[in-house]
Amino acid sequence: MNRTALARRLAGGVVPGLLLASLSGLAAPAPADAQYMPSQAPVPPPFFALQNARIVTGTGAVIENGTVVIANGLIEAVGADVEVPGDAWLIDVSGLTVYPGLFDGLSRIGMASQVGNPGGGGGNPFAAFVEQANQPRTVGPEDRPATNSWVNAADMLDPDSDEIETWRSGGFTNALVAPDDGIVTGQAVVVNLAGDEQEMVVKAPAALRVTMSGAGGFRSFPGSLMGVIAYIRQLYLDADHSQQYEARYTANPSGQPRPTYDRALGPIQDAIAGGWPTVMPANEVRQIRRAIKLGRDTGARPVLQGAHEAYGLADEIASAGVQVLVNADWPERNRDADPEAEESLSSLKRRAYAPTTPARLEEAGVEWAFYSGSAGSPRAMMEKVRTAIENGLSEEAALEALTVAPARIYGVDAMLGSVEAGKIANLVVTDGPLFDEGTDIRMVFVDGHRFEEEAPEPRPTEPPAVDMNGTWLLSLNNDSQEATAELEVSEDGTISGVIQGERGEQQITDGWVSGNEFSITVSATMGPGMDVEIVYTGTVEGDSIEGNASFGGMRNMDFTGTRPGGGVR
């Protein structure tokens, strides 16, 4: 029996009697001087065979009735005529489709809060201002303002974060996670969305992240956008000069001052030498051109982040040979804006054309990938991707932008991004085409570990026994918050409309009433960069309702409501 087969049998718990007997000595008490070796390899994940699957490999090939064999956390075999070992855990996935696990190209999924770095403040502008004011005064680039290049996201992971389970349940098995404080925020890493802090890390570092955020207002350097750009250029010049001087000093140190240690410069040097991607903000036309030029001038390898105005520059981006991360959270009208105020032409144009950017990048042959931005849930992100498809993006390119494209950008495509033998067993199993609105995730595999998702309960078929049309006044959490719901109910019980509360207007994305029970799902903004789904469930009696509101599965509030004007049906 070869070592792979032995590992499979041990992982699956199937060990022939003779082998079990031969291993029995291993259970005997160890000698007094024997020590446990923490570096020993852990028990490998279970050994699976997914049979009768429709397999979308992510390389362009589709196998209509095939098998995927998983062993030791890797994909061992894929094909229509794969031989399945007799000791495999067989899973019949007839009628289901296997896809590569989805990859969020830039995120903070599973990241602990970043504390103590310049530029923080938790999204509160006043708190950020106070924090900046308390930072040491910087008078020049030698002070390394807001430069956290040595900070590594691998040291900031929180494997117990509820976000990990939420996104994994939505089919996302990987993400590029990065610190977000400072001008140079630090080193980003590719992670699997399962396991402990060490098991999650696939590649560290995988990229640098640079922002154009100032370091301390106008009281210190750099106090303006022009100053930030000048500082970034100087940082790269300093890194190059330092590297040259260190080389000369190492070759002949006698009689020369030793180099000064500067922890900010090492990662910059490593990024240039290693060709790491450097993620730079590039949402508007001027930002896109600025990032391309900055990369050319400094030797960095820029990856454009945002790209909502890249629809008009796709050929220029292709000629520059740079890669792009497209923010899937398309711009919308400010919900708190004066409804009578006129929007600027540029704002209207961006809202209209931003969802065409992916199609234009596909057409121009640009290497690009999606990232979630402020889309606070996998469901919301997939809705945004469908919007791009409706605006001309092919489904093949959409799948690539969520799987192998981000893997290529970050140099992990030999490990991730497609259903191929030898790659990490990160898979998502669906009950229909990935981009269909009614498709549900049935299973997810991360590092060969299976996470089975319960099929959602079907919507009740009993017709409405109550009238929910009209305006409802809601009181949440013992009257600590108030909201107004404007509801319209169709004959089959489908609820549409909006809920207006302290967080602005929340559009109803899903809703129904059956008998006297109802469920309403809305998307709401809970803070900067944090959108969540709120699900209101409860019962109706005349012009009164009561129930519970779940905020992204992380917080719950009881609520009551009345309809002063009565029904309108």
Protein backbone atom coordinates (compact mmCIF):
# COMPACT_ATOMS: atom_id res chain seq x y z
CA MET A 1 0.00 0.00 0.00
CA ASN A 2 1.49 3.36 -0.98
CA ARG A 3 1.70 6.28 1.44
CA THR A 4 -1.15 8.19 -0.24
CA ALA A 5 -3.47 5.22 0.08
CA LEU A 6 -2.43 4.74 3.71
CA ALA A 7 -3.14 8.40 4.47
CA ARG A 8 -6.54 8.07 2.81
CA ARG A 9 -7.46 5.06 4.87
CA LEU A 10 -6.34 6.67 8.10
CA ALA A 11 -8.27 9.82 7.24
CA GLY A 12 -11.41 7.89 6.44
CA GLY A 13 -11.14 5.73 9.55
CA VAL A 14 -10.92 2.53 7.44
CA VAL A 15 -7.88 0.54 8.56
CA PRO A 16 -7.51 -3.17 7.79
CA GLY A 17 -7.23 -5.40 10.82
CA LEU A 18 -3.65 -6.43 10.08
CA LEU A 19 -2.55 -2.83 9.75
CA LEU A 20 -4.40 -1.93 12.94
CA ALA A 21 -2.60 -4.69 14.77
CA SER A 22 0.77 -3.61 13.42
CA LEU A 23 0.09 -0.06 14.62
CA SER A 24 -1.09 -1.10 18.08
CA GLY A 25 2.37 -0.56 19.51
CA LEU A 26 2.00 3.13 18.79
CA ALA A 27 -0.61 3.33 21.53
CA ALA A 28 1.73 2.01 24.20
CA PRO A 29 3.02 4.48 26.82
CA ALA A 30 5.94 6.48 25.50
CA PRO A 31 9.33 6.30 27.19
CA ALA A 32 9.89 8.90 29.86
CA ASP A 33 12.27 10.88 27.68
CA ALA A 34 9.95 10.88 24.66
CA GLN A 35 8.39 14.21 23.81
CA TYR A 36 5.36 15.26 21.81
CA MET A 37 6.37 16.86 18.55
CA PRO A 38 4.06 19.78 17.81
CA SER A 39 5.38 19.96 14.26
CA GLN A 40 3.86 16.58 13.40
CA ALA A 41 1.42 16.75 10.50
CA PRO A 42 -2.21 16.81 11.64
CA VAL A 43 -4.67 14.13 10.63
CA PRO A 44 -5.57 14.92 7.03
CA PRO A 45 -9.10 15.95 6.11
CA PRO A 46 -11.59 13.24 5.12
CA PHE A 47 -11.44 11.54 1.74
CA PHE A 48 -14.46 12.29 -0.48
CA ALA A 49 -15.76 11.43 -3.91
CA LEU A 50 -18.46 13.68 -5.37
CA GLN A 51 -20.27 11.57 -7.95
CA ASN A 52 -22.74 12.32 -10.74
CA ALA A 53 -21.89 16.02 -10.67
CA ARG A 54 -22.05 18.67 -13.32
CA ILE A 55 -18.56 20.14 -12.98
CA VAL A 56 -17.76 23.67 -14.12
CA THR A 57 -13.99 23.50 -13.88
CA GLY A 58 -13.33 27.23 -14.26
CA THR A 59 -10.90 26.59 -17.13
CA GLY A 60 -13.62 26.69 -19.77
CA ALA A 61 -14.35 22.97 -19.64
CA VAL A 62 -17.68 21.67 -18.34
CA ILE A 63 -18.11 18.00 -17.42
CA GLU A 64 -21.79 17.14 -17.54
CA ASN A 65 -21.61 13.94 -15.47
CA GLY A 66 -18.37 13.53 -13.60
CA THR A 67 -16.60 12.83 -10.34
CA VAL A 68 -14.34 14.92 -8.11
CA VAL A 69 -12.08 13.00 -5.72
CA ILE A 70 -10.74 14.87 -2.66
CA ALA A 71 -7.89 13.54 -0.52
CA ASN A 72 -5.61 15.18 2.04
CA GLY A 73 -7.20 18.56 1.41
CA LEU A 74 -6.44 18.46 -2.32
CA ILE A 75 -8.32 17.61 -5.47
CA GLU A 76 -6.92 14.19 -6.37
CA ALA A 77 -8.84 13.56 -9.59
CA VAL A 78 -11.52 15.17 -11.78
CA GLY A 79 -13.25 13.70 -14.80
CA ALA A 80 -16.05 11.74 -16.37
CA ASP A 81 -14.32 8.36 -15.96
CA VAL A 82 -12.52 8.72 -12.64
CA GLU A 83 -11.87 5.53 -10.71
CA VAL A 84 -13.18 5.91 -7.17
CA PRO A 85 -11.26 4.02 -4.46
CA GLY A 86 -13.41 1.65 -2.47
CA ASP A 87 -12.75 3.38 0.86
CA ALA A 88 -13.93 6.84 -0.24
CA TRP A 89 -16.85 8.63 1.37
CA LEU A 90 -19.21 8.71 -1.59
CA ILE A 91 -21.49 11.72 -1.98
CA ASP A 92 -24.11 11.53 -4.72
CA VAL A 93 -24.58 15.06 -6.05
CA SER A 94 -26.94 14.22 -8.89
CA GLY A 95 -28.66 17.37 -10.12
CA LEU A 96 -26.04 19.61 -8.47
CA THR A 97 -23.17 21.61 -9.95
CA VAL A 98 -19.60 21.82 -8.65
CA TYR A 99 -17.74 25.13 -9.11
CA PRO A 100 -14.38 26.41 -7.90
CA GLY A 101 -14.71 28.15 -4.55
CA LEU A 102 -15.34 31.89 -4.90
CA PHE A 103 -12.58 34.41 -4.15
CA ASP A 104 -13.17 37.95 -2.83
CA GLY A 105 -10.38 40.02 -4.38
CA LEU A 106 -10.07 42.53 -1.49
CA SER A 107 -11.75 42.28 1.89
CA ARG A 108 -11.54 42.40 5.67
CA ILE A 109 -13.39 39.12 6.16
CA GLY A 110 -12.06 37.47 9.30
CA MET A 111 -9.83 40.40 10.28
CA ALA A 112 -9.63 41.54 13.88
CA SER A 113 -10.04 45.26 14.55
CA GLN A 114 -6.91 47.26 13.82
CA VAL A 115 -5.98 49.35 16.83
CA GLY A 116 -3.26 51.88 17.42
CA ASN A 117 -2.33 52.76 13.83
CA PRO A 118 -2.62 56.24 12.38
CA GLY A 119 -5.67 56.89 10.30
CA GLY A 120 -8.10 54.89 12.43
CA GLY A 121 -11.04 56.25 14.33
CA GLY A 122 -13.58 53.50 13.70
CA GLY A 123 -15.44 55.43 10.99
CA ASN A 124 -16.27 58.37 13.27
CA PRO A 125 -14.86 61.50 11.58
CA PHE A 126 -14.51 63.37 14.89
CA ALA A 127 -12.79 60.42 16.56
CA ALA A 128 -10.46 60.14 13.57
CA PHE A 129 -9.66 63.84 13.83
CA VAL A 130 -8.87 63.53 17.56
CA GLU A 131 -6.70 60.47 16.92
CA GLN A 132 -4.80 62.29 14.17
CA ALA A 133 -4.29 65.25 16.49
CA ASN A 134 -2.76 62.93 19.09
CA GLN A 135 -0.26 61.44 16.65
CA PRO A 136 3.37 62.63 16.81
CA ARG A 137 3.90 65.61 14.56
CA THR A 138 5.56 64.66 11.28
CA VAL A 139 7.65 67.24 9.50
CA GLY A 140 9.06 65.24 6.61
CA PRO A 141 9.19 61.87 4.86
CA GLU A 142 11.91 60.61 7.20
CA ASP A 143 9.26 60.42 9.94
CA ARG A 144 7.41 57.75 7.92
CA PRO A 145 3.94 59.19 8.48
CA ALA A 146 1.10 56.65 8.45
CA THR A 147 3.40 54.04 6.94
CA ASN A 148 2.61 50.57 8.28
CA SER A 149 4.33 48.50 5.60
CA TRP A 150 5.59 45.99 8.20
CA VAL A 151 2.05 45.21 9.45
CA ASN A 152 0.98 41.78 8.18
CA ALA A 153 -2.67 40.80 7.91
CA ALA A 154 -1.73 37.22 8.81
CA ASP A 155 -1.13 38.45 12.36
CA MET A 156 -4.57 40.06 12.55
CA LEU A 157 -6.85 37.14 11.70
CA ASP A 158 -9.86 36.23 13.83
CA PRO A 159 -10.90 32.69 12.86
CA ASP A 160 -13.97 32.94 15.12
CA SER A 161 -15.40 35.90 13.20
CA ASP A 162 -19.04 35.41 12.25
CA GLU A 163 -18.23 36.96 8.88
CA ILE A 164 -16.21 33.90 7.89
CA GLU A 165 -19.18 31.57 8.23
CA THR A 166 -21.50 34.07 6.53
CA TRP A 167 -19.31 34.41 3.44
CA ARG A 168 -18.39 30.73 3.34
CA SER A 169 -22.08 29.83 3.42
CA GLY A 170 -22.46 32.05 0.36
CA GLY A 171 -19.86 30.05 -1.57
CA PHE A 172 -16.76 32.15 -0.83
CA THR A 173 -13.79 30.01 0.15
CA ASN A 174 -11.00 32.59 -0.24
CA ALA A 175 -10.26 36.27 0.18
CA LEU A 176 -7.37 38.70 -0.05
CA VAL A 177 -7.44 40.46 3.29
CA ALA A 178 -5.47 43.60 4.05
CA PRO A 179 -4.96 46.12 6.84
CA ASP A 180 -6.71 49.40 6.05
CA ASP A 181 -5.08 52.09 8.21
CA GLY A 182 -2.49 54.51 6.90
CA ILE A 183 -0.95 55.59 3.63
CA VAL A 184 0.84 52.26 3.27
CA THR A 185 -1.54 50.06 5.23
CA GLY A 186 0.59 46.94 5.26
CA GLN A 187 0.88 43.48 3.79
CA ALA A 188 -2.17 41.65 2.46
CA VAL A 189 -2.54 37.87 2.57
CA VAL A 190 -4.59 35.27 0.75
CA VAL A 191 -6.67 33.24 3.19
CA ASN A 192 -8.96 30.24 3.20
CA LEU A 193 -12.24 30.89 4.98
CA ALA A 194 -11.88 28.02 7.45
CA GLY A 195 -9.41 26.77 10.03
CA ASP A 196 -7.36 28.47 12.70
CA GLU A 197 -5.05 31.46 12.25
CA GLN A 198 -2.29 29.34 10.73
CA GLU A 199 -4.49 27.06 8.64
CA MET A 200 -6.29 30.02 7.08
CA VAL A 201 -3.16 31.50 5.51
CA VAL A 202 -2.53 30.43 1.91
CA LYS A 203 0.05 33.06 0.96
CA ALA A 204 1.66 35.72 3.14
CA PRO A 205 2.47 38.27 2.04
CA ALA A 206 0.58 38.37 -1.24
CA ALA A 207 0.40 42.15 -1.85
CA LEU A 208 0.99 45.61 -0.43
CA ARG A 209 -1.85 48.07 -0.05
CA VAL A 210 -1.42 51.80 -0.55
CA THR A 211 -4.07 54.48 0.00
CA MET A 212 -4.09 58.20 -0.64
CA SER A 213 -5.20 59.03 2.90
CA GLY A 214 -3.45 61.88 4.67
CA ALA A 215 -1.51 61.30 7.88
CA GLY A 216 -2.51 64.13 10.15
CA GLY A 217 -4.50 66.91 8.50
CA PHE A 218 -2.81 70.20 7.75
CA ARG A 219 -0.90 70.24 11.05
CA SER A 220 1.81 67.88 9.81
CA PHE A 221 3.32 66.28 6.72
CA PRO A 222 1.78 65.21 4.41
CA GLY A 223 -1.26 67.42 4.83
CA SER A 224 -2.74 67.23 1.34
CA LEU A 225 -3.27 64.81 -1.54
CA MET A 226 -0.30 66.35 -3.35
CA GLY A 227 1.80 65.79 -0.23
CA VAL A 228 0.69 62.14 0.03
CA ILE A 229 1.64 61.45 -3.59
CA ALA A 230 5.01 63.17 -3.10
CA TYR A 231 5.58 61.15 0.06
CA ILE A 232 4.83 57.83 -1.68
CA ARG A 233 7.33 58.70 -4.40
CA GLN A 234 9.93 59.63 -1.77
CA LEU A 235 9.27 56.39 0.11
CA TYR A 236 10.13 54.34 -2.96
CA LEU A 237 13.20 56.48 -3.70
CA ASP A 238 14.35 55.98 -0.10
CA ALA A 239 13.82 52.22 -0.40
CA ASP A 240 15.93 52.10 -3.56
CA HIS A 241 18.67 54.30 -2.11
CA SER A 242 18.74 52.27 1.11
CA GLN A 243 19.06 49.02 -0.78
CA GLN A 244 21.94 50.34 -2.87
CA TYR A 245 23.77 51.68 0.19
CA GLU A 246 23.30 48.43 2.12
CA ALA A 247 24.77 46.50 -0.80
CA ARG A 248 27.83 48.76 -0.90
CA TYR A 249 28.24 48.61 2.88
CA THR A 250 27.96 44.80 2.93
CA ALA A 251 30.61 44.55 0.22
CA ASN A 252 33.03 46.88 2.05
CA PRO A 253 31.94 48.05 5.53
CA SER A 254 35.34 49.34 6.60
CA GLY A 255 35.34 53.08 7.18
CA GLN A 256 31.67 53.58 6.25
CA PRO A 257 28.79 54.54 8.54
CA ARG A 258 26.56 51.55 9.03
CA PRO A 259 23.06 51.73 7.44
CA THR A 260 20.25 52.99 9.67
CA TYR A 261 17.51 50.48 10.39
CA ASP A 262 14.17 51.55 8.93
CA ARG A 263 11.43 48.94 9.27
CA ALA A 264 9.24 50.76 6.73
CA LEU A 265 11.62 50.22 3.82
CA GLY A 266 12.21 46.46 3.92
CA PRO A 267 8.72 45.45 2.73
CA ILE A 268 8.85 48.10 -0.02
CA GLN A 269 12.13 46.63 -1.25
CA ASP A 270 10.73 43.10 -1.04
CA ALA A 271 7.61 44.12 -2.95
CA ILE A 272 9.61 45.59 -5.82
CA ALA A 273 12.08 42.70 -5.94
CA GLY A 274 9.35 40.08 -5.67
CA GLY A 275 6.89 41.77 -7.99
CA TRP A 276 4.16 41.84 -5.38
CA PRO A 277 0.93 43.51 -6.47
CA THR A 278 0.49 46.95 -4.90
CA VAL A 279 -3.20 47.71 -4.51
CA MET A 280 -3.85 51.41 -5.17
CA PRO A 281 -7.13 53.39 -5.12
CA ALA A 282 -8.21 54.09 -8.69
CA ASN A 283 -11.93 54.66 -8.92
CA GLU A 284 -12.10 57.83 -11.03
CA VAL A 285 -10.40 58.59 -14.33
CA ARG A 286 -7.74 60.82 -12.78
CA GLN A 287 -7.06 58.25 -10.05
CA ILE A 288 -6.68 55.45 -12.60
CA ARG A 289 -4.15 57.41 -14.63
CA ARG A 290 -2.36 58.55 -11.46
CA ALA A 291 -1.96 54.96 -10.20
CA ILE A 292 -0.64 53.75 -13.56
CA LYS A 293 1.92 56.57 -13.65
CA LEU A 294 2.87 56.09 -10.00
CA GLY A 295 3.58 52.44 -10.64
CA ARG A 296 5.66 53.27 -13.69
CA ASP A 297 7.67 55.92 -11.81
CA THR A 298 8.33 53.92 -8.63
CA GLY A 299 8.80 50.40 -9.93
CA ALA A 300 5.72 49.17 -8.05
CA ARG A 301 3.33 46.74 -9.73
CA PRO A 302 0.01 48.58 -9.42
CA VAL A 303 -3.34 46.85 -9.16
CA LEU A 304 -6.16 49.35 -9.64
CA GLN A 305 -8.80 49.24 -6.89
CA GLY A 306 -12.34 50.49 -7.52
CA ALA A 307 -12.46 51.13 -11.27
CA HIS A 308 -16.01 52.46 -11.46
CA GLU A 309 -14.90 54.88 -14.19
CA ALA A 310 -12.70 52.37 -16.00
CA TYR A 311 -15.41 51.81 -18.63
CA GLY A 312 -13.97 54.70 -20.64
CA LEU A 313 -10.31 53.71 -20.15
CA ALA A 314 -10.37 49.96 -20.78
CA ASP A 315 -8.08 50.11 -23.83
CA GLU A 316 -5.68 52.46 -22.03
CA ILE A 317 -5.55 50.11 -19.03
CA ALA A 318 -4.94 47.15 -21.33
CA SER A 319 -2.07 48.98 -23.05
CA ALA A 320 -0.51 49.75 -19.66
CA GLY A 321 -0.65 46.05 -18.76
CA VAL A 322 -2.00 46.65 -15.26
CA GLN A 323 -4.53 44.52 -13.40
CA VAL A 324 -7.79 45.72 -11.91
CA LEU A 325 -9.96 45.01 -8.87
CA VAL A 326 -13.52 46.07 -9.68
CA ASN A 327 -15.67 47.14 -6.73
CA ALA A 328 -18.90 45.18 -7.15
CA ASP A 329 -20.80 47.64 -4.96
CA TRP A 330 -22.07 49.89 -7.75
CA PRO A 331 -22.62 53.57 -6.91
CA GLU A 332 -26.12 54.56 -5.84
CA ARG A 333 -27.80 57.83 -5.06
CA ASN A 334 -27.17 58.95 -1.50
CA ARG A 335 -30.21 57.80 0.47
CA ASP A 336 -29.91 60.77 2.81
CA ALA A 337 -29.60 63.35 0.04
CA ASP A 338 -32.23 66.01 -0.52
CA PRO A 339 -34.69 64.38 -2.97
CA GLU A 340 -35.27 67.78 -4.57
CA ALA A 341 -31.56 68.43 -5.16
CA GLU A 342 -30.17 67.86 -8.63
CA GLU A 343 -27.33 65.38 -9.03
CA SER A 344 -24.22 66.39 -10.91
CA LEU A 345 -23.79 65.07 -14.44
CA SER A 346 -20.63 63.20 -13.41
CA SER A 347 -22.49 61.45 -10.59
CA LEU A 348 -25.36 60.45 -12.87
CA LYS A 349 -22.92 59.21 -15.50
CA ARG A 350 -20.95 57.14 -12.98
CA ARG A 351 -24.11 55.51 -11.65
CA ALA A 352 -25.31 54.71 -15.16
CA TYR A 353 -22.07 53.37 -16.60
CA ALA A 354 -20.12 51.85 -13.69
CA PRO A 355 -21.87 48.44 -14.08
CA THR A 356 -20.64 48.33 -17.70
CA THR A 357 -17.00 48.43 -16.58
CA PRO A 358 -16.60 44.62 -16.28
CA ALA A 359 -17.91 44.08 -19.81
CA ARG A 360 -15.56 46.74 -21.19
CA LEU A 361 -12.58 45.22 -19.37
CA GLU A 362 -13.51 41.78 -20.69
CA GLU A 363 -13.74 43.16 -24.22
CA ALA A 364 -10.34 44.90 -23.92
CA GLY A 365 -8.60 41.80 -22.55
CA VAL A 366 -7.69 43.30 -19.17
CA GLU A 367 -6.87 40.96 -16.26
CA TRP A 368 -9.41 41.90 -13.59
CA ALA A 369 -11.32 40.49 -10.63
CA PHE A 370 -14.29 41.42 -8.46
CA TYR A 371 -14.10 42.47 -4.84
CA SER A 372 -17.00 42.99 -2.45
CA GLY A 373 -16.47 46.61 -1.38
CA SER A 374 -19.35 47.60 0.88
CA ALA A 375 -21.62 44.80 -0.33
CA GLY A 376 -22.21 43.47 3.15
CA SER A 377 -23.23 39.92 2.29
CA PRO A 378 -22.54 37.26 -0.36
CA ARG A 379 -26.13 37.55 -1.49
CA ALA A 380 -25.78 41.31 -2.02
CA MET A 381 -22.51 40.84 -3.89
CA MET A 382 -23.96 38.22 -6.23
CA GLU A 383 -26.84 40.58 -6.97
CA LYS A 384 -24.27 43.20 -7.99
CA VAL A 385 -22.52 40.66 -10.22
CA ARG A 386 -25.85 39.88 -11.91
CA THR A 387 -26.19 43.60 -12.60
CA ALA A 388 -22.84 43.49 -14.43
CA ILE A 389 -24.04 40.49 -16.43
CA GLU A 390 -27.19 42.38 -17.37
CA ASN A 391 -24.86 45.14 -18.61
CA GLY A 392 -22.98 42.93 -21.05
CA LEU A 393 -20.54 40.85 -18.97
CA SER A 394 -20.44 37.18 -19.98
CA GLU A 395 -21.15 34.59 -17.29
CA GLU A 396 -17.84 32.89 -18.14
CA ALA A 397 -15.93 36.11 -17.43
CA ALA A 398 -17.98 36.72 -14.27
CA LEU A 399 -17.00 33.27 -12.95
CA GLU A 400 -13.36 33.88 -13.86
CA ALA A 401 -13.43 37.24 -12.02
CA LEU A 402 -14.62 35.44 -8.88
CA THR A 403 -12.23 32.48 -9.05
CA VAL A 404 -9.06 32.10 -11.10
CA ALA A 405 -8.55 35.80 -11.99
CA PRO A 406 -7.92 36.95 -8.39
CA ALA A 407 -5.81 33.81 -7.90
CA ARG A 408 -3.65 34.85 -10.88
CA ILE A 409 -3.37 38.45 -9.67
CA TYR A 410 -2.01 37.29 -6.31
CA GLY A 411 0.12 34.46 -7.66
CA VAL A 412 -1.81 31.53 -6.21
CA ASP A 413 -3.43 30.19 -9.38
CA ALA A 414 -1.31 27.01 -9.13
CA MET A 415 -3.18 26.32 -5.87
CA LEU A 416 -6.61 27.91 -6.31
CA GLY A 417 -9.19 29.09 -8.79
CA SER A 418 -10.27 26.02 -10.73
CA VAL A 419 -11.41 22.42 -10.29
CA GLU A 420 -8.21 20.65 -11.33
CA ALA A 421 -6.21 17.78 -9.90
CA GLY A 422 -3.48 18.92 -7.53
CA LYS A 423 -5.17 22.13 -6.42
CA ILE A 424 -6.51 22.89 -2.94
CA ALA A 425 -9.97 21.37 -2.55
CA ASN A 426 -11.91 24.62 -2.30
CA LEU A 427 -15.25 23.97 -3.97
CA VAL A 428 -18.83 25.18 -3.94
CA VAL A 429 -21.77 22.92 -4.82
CA THR A 430 -25.00 24.55 -6.00
CA ASP A 431 -28.46 23.36 -6.95
CA GLY A 432 -28.47 25.42 -10.15
CA PRO A 433 -26.44 27.85 -12.27
CA LEU A 434 -24.27 29.99 -10.03
CA PHE A 435 -25.61 33.34 -11.21
CA ASP A 436 -29.30 32.46 -11.24
CA GLU A 437 -31.19 34.38 -8.57
CA GLY A 438 -32.96 31.29 -7.24
CA THR A 439 -29.82 29.14 -6.93
CA ASP A 440 -28.83 27.95 -3.45
CA ILE A 441 -25.50 26.77 -2.06
CA ARG A 442 -25.73 23.15 -0.93
CA MET A 443 -22.15 22.33 0.07
CA VAL A 444 -18.83 24.11 0.43
CA PHE A 445 -15.39 22.52 0.73
CA VAL A 446 -12.44 24.45 2.16
CA ASP A 447 -9.07 22.71 2.39
CA GLY A 448 -10.95 19.49 1.74
CA HIS A 449 -13.24 19.98 4.75
CA ARG A 450 -16.93 19.74 4.03
CA PHE A 451 -19.42 22.38 5.15
CA GLU A 452 -22.96 21.39 4.26
CA GLU A 453 -25.58 24.10 3.96
CA GLU A 454 -29.15 23.33 4.85
CA ALA A 455 -31.53 23.84 1.99
CA PRO A 456 -33.52 26.99 2.76
CA GLU A 457 -37.07 26.45 3.88
CA PRO A 458 -39.41 27.04 0.98
CA ARG A 459 -41.65 30.06 1.11
CA PRO A 460 -45.03 29.14 2.66
CA THR A 461 -47.74 28.49 0.10
CA GLU A 462 -50.73 29.47 2.24
CA PRO A 463 -52.25 32.67 0.79
CA PRO A 464 -52.35 35.85 2.90
CA ALA A 465 -55.08 35.89 5.55
CA VAL A 466 -54.32 39.50 6.52
CA ASP A 467 -53.83 42.82 4.75
CA MET A 468 -50.34 44.36 5.15
CA ASN A 469 -50.68 47.16 2.60
CA GLY A 470 -50.06 50.70 3.75
CA THR A 471 -47.83 52.65 6.11
CA TRP A 472 -46.65 51.04 9.33
CA LEU A 473 -44.95 52.78 12.25
CA LEU A 474 -42.37 50.47 13.82
CA SER A 475 -40.79 50.65 17.27
CA LEU A 476 -37.64 48.57 17.75
CA ASN A 477 -35.93 47.44 20.92
CA ASN A 478 -38.40 48.87 23.43
CA ASP A 479 -38.91 52.11 21.49
CA SER A 480 -35.18 52.95 21.32
CA GLN A 481 -35.44 53.14 17.52
CA GLU A 482 -38.28 54.04 15.18
CA ALA A 483 -38.92 53.33 11.52
CA THR A 484 -41.64 53.69 8.94
CA ALA A 485 -42.50 50.87 6.54
CA GLU A 486 -44.27 51.57 3.24
CA LEU A 487 -45.56 48.18 2.09
CA GLU A 488 -47.22 46.94 -1.06
CA VAL A 489 -48.49 43.36 -1.17
CA SER A 490 -49.37 41.47 -4.36
CA GLU A 491 -52.15 38.90 -4.61
CA ASP A 492 -49.72 36.00 -4.03
CA GLY A 493 -48.40 37.62 -0.83
CA THR A 494 -45.14 39.08 -2.20
CA ILE A 495 -44.14 42.18 -0.24
CA SER A 496 -42.30 45.12 -1.82
CA GLY A 497 -41.59 48.68 -0.71
CA VAL A 498 -39.19 50.48 1.62
CA ILE A 499 -38.43 50.91 5.31
CA GLN A 500 -37.28 54.36 6.39
CA GLY A 501 -35.35 54.56 9.65
CA GLU A 502 -32.34 56.03 11.38
CA ARG A 503 -30.07 54.39 8.79
CA GLY A 504 -31.91 55.97 5.87
CA GLU A 505 -34.11 54.29 3.30
CA GLN A 506 -33.89 50.49 3.15
CA GLN A 507 -35.17 48.86 -0.02
CA ILE A 508 -37.05 45.59 0.49
CA THR A 509 -35.19 42.86 -1.43
CA ASP A 510 -37.42 39.94 -0.46
CA GLY A 511 -40.69 39.62 1.41
CA TRP A 512 -43.84 37.57 1.80
CA VAL A 513 -46.93 37.21 3.93
CA SER A 514 -48.59 33.82 4.40
CA GLY A 515 -51.58 33.37 6.66
CA ASN A 516 -50.87 35.95 9.35
CA GLU A 517 -47.06 35.48 9.29
CA PHE A 518 -44.58 37.57 7.32
CA SER A 519 -40.90 37.91 6.48
CA ILE A 520 -39.25 41.05 5.07
CA THR A 521 -35.57 41.30 4.05
CA VAL A 522 -33.87 44.65 3.49
CA SER A 523 -30.31 45.82 2.85
CA ALA A 524 -29.10 48.49 5.29
CA THR A 525 -25.92 50.48 5.93
CA MET A 526 -24.75 50.11 9.54
CA GLY A 527 -21.63 52.24 9.19
CA PRO A 528 -18.83 53.11 6.77
CA GLY A 529 -18.12 50.06 4.63
CA MET A 530 -20.63 47.90 6.49
CA ASP A 531 -23.83 46.86 4.73
CA VAL A 532 -25.93 44.11 6.30
CA GLU A 533 -29.15 42.30 5.62
CA ILE A 534 -31.93 42.87 8.12
CA VAL A 535 -34.68 40.27 8.26
CA TYR A 536 -37.96 41.26 9.92
CA THR A 537 -40.21 38.32 10.82
CA GLY A 538 -43.43 38.32 12.79
CA THR A 539 -47.19 38.11 12.83
CA VAL A 540 -50.04 40.45 11.94
CA GLU A 541 -53.30 41.03 13.78
CA GLY A 542 -55.48 43.72 12.27
CA ASP A 543 -53.52 46.98 12.32
CA SER A 544 -50.84 45.68 14.69
CA ILE A 545 -47.69 43.66 14.08
CA GLU A 546 -44.94 42.26 16.27
CA GLY A 547 -41.85 40.20 15.74
CA ASN A 548 -38.06 40.13 15.64
CA ALA A 549 -35.45 41.88 13.47
CA SER A 550 -32.17 40.04 12.83
CA PHE A 551 -29.25 42.27 11.81
CA GLY A 552 -26.96 40.12 9.68
CA GLY A 553 -27.34 37.25 12.12
CA MET A 554 -25.21 39.21 14.61
CA ARG A 555 -27.83 41.14 16.60
CA ASN A 556 -31.54 40.80 17.23
CA MET A 557 -34.22 43.29 18.24
CA ASP A 558 -37.87 42.82 19.09
CA PHE A 559 -40.25 45.21 17.37
CA THR A 560 -43.89 46.18 17.36
CA GLY A 561 -45.83 48.22 14.85
CA THR A 562 -49.15 49.88 14.14
CA ARG A 563 -50.89 51.06 10.98
CA PRO A 564 -52.68 54.29 11.91
CA GLY A 565 -54.46 54.65 8.59
CA GLY A 566 -55.63 51.06 8.28
CA GLY A 567 -55.30 48.88 5.19
CA VAL A 568 -55.74 50.13 1.65
CA ARG A 569 -56.74 46.98 -0.15
